Amino acid sequence: MLDAETTPFIDVSAAQTLADLNQQLRSRGVTLLIARDVGQFRDVLEHAPGDSDLPLIYPSIADAVSASVRLTGS
């Protein structure tokens, strides 16, 4: 899980890097979750090319942890 609260902005290259990382992790059976995306960070991710490869995003750490439990069944 990536807590993005302290990352107020990213650029398109960083969004693509996250998408690439997410794809690599998925190929290994790992799910990348992002919690507390804010401001420009969220906006860039929402409009990034290839956004279907982006990680799952949750408004809080608690939501991301709950989703993780549901996804892994543990």
N, C-alpha and C. Protein backbone atom coordinates (compact mmCIF):
# COMPACT_ATOMS: atom_id res chain seq x y z
N MET A 1 0.84 -1.17 0.00
CA MET A 1 0.00 0.00 0.00
C MET A 1 0.89 1.23 0.00
N LEU A 2 0.48 2.22 -0.76
CA LEU A 2 1.17 3.49 -0.83
C LEU A 2 0.27 4.54 -0.21
N ASP A 3 0.74 5.21 0.85
CA ASP A 3 0.02 6.32 1.47
C ASP A 3 0.46 7.59 0.76
N ALA A 4 -0.41 8.16 -0.05
CA ALA A 4 -0.04 9.28 -0.90
C ALA A 4 -0.33 10.64 -0.27
N GLU A 5 -0.74 10.66 0.98
CA GLU A 5 -1.11 11.93 1.60
C GLU A 5 0.03 12.95 1.59
N THR A 6 1.25 12.51 1.77
CA THR A 6 2.36 13.46 1.83
C THR A 6 2.98 13.72 0.46
N THR A 7 2.32 13.26 -0.59
CA THR A 7 2.77 13.50 -1.96
C THR A 7 1.73 14.38 -2.64
N PRO A 8 1.85 15.70 -2.53
CA PRO A 8 0.80 16.57 -3.03
C PRO A 8 0.69 16.61 -4.55
N PHE A 9 1.76 16.24 -5.26
CA PHE A 9 1.66 16.25 -6.72
C PHE A 9 2.63 15.24 -7.32
N ILE A 10 2.28 14.80 -8.52
CA ILE A 10 3.14 13.94 -9.33
C ILE A 10 3.01 14.41 -10.78
N ASP A 11 3.93 13.96 -11.61
CA ASP A 11 3.82 14.29 -13.03
C ASP A 11 3.38 13.04 -13.80
N VAL A 12 3.19 13.20 -15.08
CA VAL A 12 2.72 12.10 -15.92
C VAL A 12 3.71 10.94 -15.92
N SER A 13 5.00 11.23 -15.86
CA SER A 13 6.02 10.17 -15.82
C SER A 13 5.87 9.33 -14.55
N ALA A 14 5.63 9.99 -13.44
CA ALA A 14 5.45 9.26 -12.18
C ALA A 14 4.18 8.42 -12.22
N ALA A 15 3.13 8.95 -12.81
CA ALA A 15 1.89 8.18 -12.95
C ALA A 15 2.13 6.94 -13.80
N GLN A 16 2.91 7.08 -14.86
CA GLN A 16 3.23 5.94 -15.71
C GLN A 16 4.08 4.93 -14.96
N THR A 17 5.01 5.42 -14.12
CA THR A 17 5.82 4.52 -13.31
C THR A 17 4.95 3.73 -12.35
N LEU A 18 3.97 4.38 -11.74
CA LEU A 18 3.04 3.66 -10.86
C LEU A 18 2.24 2.62 -11.63
N ALA A 19 1.82 2.97 -12.83
CA ALA A 19 1.08 2.01 -13.66
C ALA A 19 1.97 0.81 -14.01
N ASP A 20 3.22 1.08 -14.36
CA ASP A 20 4.16 -0.01 -14.68
C ASP A 20 4.41 -0.89 -13.46
N LEU A 21 4.63 -0.26 -12.31
CA LEU A 21 4.85 -1.01 -11.07
C LEU A 21 3.63 -1.87 -10.75
N ASN A 22 2.45 -1.27 -10.90
CA ASN A 22 1.22 -2.02 -10.63
C ASN A 22 1.12 -3.24 -11.54
N GLN A 23 1.46 -3.07 -12.80
CA GLN A 23 1.39 -4.18 -13.76
C GLN A 23 2.40 -5.28 -13.37
N GLN A 24 3.61 -4.88 -12.99
CA GLN A 24 4.62 -5.87 -12.58
C GLN A 24 4.18 -6.61 -11.32
N LEU A 25 3.63 -5.88 -10.37
CA LEU A 25 3.18 -6.53 -9.13
C LEU A 25 2.02 -7.48 -9.40
N ARG A 26 1.08 -7.04 -10.25
CA ARG A 26 -0.05 -7.92 -10.58
C ARG A 26 0.41 -9.21 -11.22
N SER A 27 1.46 -9.15 -12.03
CA SER A 27 1.96 -10.37 -12.67
C SER A 27 2.53 -11.34 -11.63
N ARG A 28 2.83 -10.83 -10.44
CA ARG A 28 3.34 -11.67 -9.34
C ARG A 28 2.25 -11.96 -8.30
N GLY A 29 1.01 -11.58 -8.62
CA GLY A 29 -0.10 -11.84 -7.72
C GLY A 29 -0.22 -10.86 -6.56
N VAL A 30 0.40 -9.69 -6.72
CA VAL A 30 0.37 -8.67 -5.66
C VAL A 30 -0.50 -7.50 -6.12
N THR A 31 -1.33 -6.99 -5.22
CA THR A 31 -2.19 -5.86 -5.54
C THR A 31 -1.64 -4.60 -4.89
N LEU A 32 -1.39 -3.58 -5.69
CA LEU A 32 -0.94 -2.29 -5.17
C LEU A 32 -2.16 -1.44 -4.89
N LEU A 33 -2.23 -0.91 -3.68
CA LEU A 33 -3.32 -0.03 -3.29
C LEU A 33 -2.74 1.33 -2.94
N ILE A 34 -3.46 2.39 -3.30
CA ILE A 34 -3.05 3.75 -2.93
C ILE A 34 -4.11 4.31 -2.00
N ALA A 35 -3.65 4.87 -0.88
CA ALA A 35 -4.56 5.49 0.08
C ALA A 35 -4.28 6.98 0.15
N ARG A 36 -5.31 7.74 0.40
CA ARG A 36 -5.26 9.18 0.68
C ARG A 36 -4.58 9.99 -0.41
N ASP A 37 -4.96 9.71 -1.67
CA ASP A 37 -4.46 10.54 -2.75
C ASP A 37 -5.12 11.92 -2.64
N VAL A 38 -4.36 12.95 -2.84
CA VAL A 38 -4.88 14.30 -2.66
C VAL A 38 -4.51 15.18 -3.85
N GLY A 39 -5.28 16.23 -4.03
CA GLY A 39 -4.97 17.29 -4.98
C GLY A 39 -4.51 16.85 -6.34
N GLN A 40 -3.40 17.41 -6.76
CA GLN A 40 -2.89 17.19 -8.09
C GLN A 40 -2.46 15.74 -8.30
N PHE A 41 -2.04 15.07 -7.25
CA PHE A 41 -1.69 13.65 -7.33
C PHE A 41 -2.89 12.88 -7.88
N ARG A 42 -4.05 13.10 -7.28
CA ARG A 42 -5.28 12.42 -7.71
C ARG A 42 -5.65 12.82 -9.13
N ASP A 43 -5.57 14.11 -9.42
CA ASP A 43 -5.96 14.60 -10.74
C ASP A 43 -5.10 14.00 -11.85
N VAL A 44 -3.80 13.91 -11.64
CA VAL A 44 -2.92 13.34 -12.66
C VAL A 44 -3.23 11.86 -12.85
N LEU A 45 -3.44 11.13 -11.75
CA LEU A 45 -3.77 9.70 -11.88
C LEU A 45 -5.08 9.50 -12.63
N GLU A 46 -6.07 10.35 -12.35
CA GLU A 46 -7.37 10.21 -13.02
C GLU A 46 -7.29 10.44 -14.52
N HIS A 47 -6.34 11.25 -14.96
CA HIS A 47 -6.26 11.61 -16.38
C HIS A 47 -5.03 11.03 -17.08
N ALA A 48 -4.34 10.15 -16.41
CA ALA A 48 -3.14 9.57 -17.00
C ALA A 48 -3.48 8.60 -18.12
N PRO A 49 -2.66 8.59 -19.17
CA PRO A 49 -2.87 7.60 -20.22
C PRO A 49 -2.66 6.19 -19.66
N GLY A 50 -3.44 5.26 -20.15
CA GLY A 50 -3.32 3.89 -19.67
C GLY A 50 -3.80 3.73 -18.25
N ASP A 51 -4.80 4.53 -17.87
CA ASP A 51 -5.25 4.53 -16.48
C ASP A 51 -5.86 3.21 -16.04
N SER A 52 -6.14 2.30 -16.96
CA SER A 52 -6.65 0.99 -16.55
C SER A 52 -5.57 0.18 -15.84
N ASP A 53 -4.30 0.57 -16.01
CA ASP A 53 -3.20 -0.12 -15.37
C ASP A 53 -2.83 0.49 -14.01
N LEU A 54 -3.56 1.52 -13.61
CA LEU A 54 -3.23 2.19 -12.36
C LEU A 54 -3.73 1.38 -11.17
N PRO A 55 -3.07 1.56 -10.03
CA PRO A 55 -3.47 0.83 -8.81
C PRO A 55 -4.85 1.25 -8.34
N LEU A 56 -5.42 0.43 -7.46
CA LEU A 56 -6.69 0.77 -6.84
C LEU A 56 -6.47 1.89 -5.83
N ILE A 57 -7.39 2.85 -5.78
CA ILE A 57 -7.22 4.03 -4.94
C ILE A 57 -8.36 4.11 -3.93
N TYR A 58 -8.00 4.42 -2.69
CA TYR A 58 -8.96 4.49 -1.59
C TYR A 58 -8.79 5.79 -0.82
N PRO A 59 -9.89 6.34 -0.29
CA PRO A 59 -9.82 7.65 0.38
C PRO A 59 -9.10 7.64 1.73
N SER A 60 -8.98 6.48 2.34
CA SER A 60 -8.32 6.42 3.65
C SER A 60 -7.50 5.13 3.76
N ILE A 61 -6.59 5.12 4.72
CA ILE A 61 -5.81 3.91 4.98
C ILE A 61 -6.73 2.79 5.44
N ALA A 62 -7.70 3.11 6.28
CA ALA A 62 -8.64 2.09 6.77
C ALA A 62 -9.40 1.45 5.60
N ASP A 63 -9.82 2.26 4.64
CA ASP A 63 -10.52 1.70 3.47
C ASP A 63 -9.60 0.80 2.66
N ALA A 64 -8.34 1.20 2.49
CA ALA A 64 -7.39 0.39 1.74
C ALA A 64 -7.10 -0.93 2.46
N VAL A 65 -6.97 -0.86 3.79
CA VAL A 65 -6.72 -2.09 4.55
C VAL A 65 -7.93 -3.01 4.45
N SER A 66 -9.13 -2.46 4.57
CA SER A 66 -10.34 -3.28 4.44
C SER A 66 -10.41 -3.94 3.07
N ALA A 67 -10.07 -3.18 2.04
CA ALA A 67 -10.08 -3.72 0.69
C ALA A 67 -9.03 -4.81 0.54
N SER A 68 -7.88 -4.60 1.15
CA SER A 68 -6.82 -5.59 1.10
C SER A 68 -7.28 -6.90 1.74
N VAL A 69 -7.95 -6.79 2.85
CA VAL A 69 -8.47 -7.99 3.53
C VAL A 69 -9.47 -8.70 2.65
N ARG A 70 -10.36 -7.94 2.00
CA ARG A 70 -11.34 -8.55 1.09
C ARG A 70 -10.66 -9.20 -0.11
N LEU A 71 -9.64 -8.52 -0.66
CA LEU A 71 -8.96 -9.05 -1.84
C LEU A 71 -8.17 -10.32 -1.54
N THR A 72 -7.58 -10.39 -0.36
CA THR A 72 -6.75 -11.55 -0.03
C THR A 72 -7.52 -12.62 0.72
N GLY A 73 -8.67 -12.23 1.26
CA GLY A 73 -9.46 -13.20 2.01
C GLY A 73 -8.87 -13.51 3.38
N SER A 74 -7.98 -12.63 3.88
CA SER A 74 -7.42 -12.86 5.21
C SER A 74 -7.52 -11.64 6.09
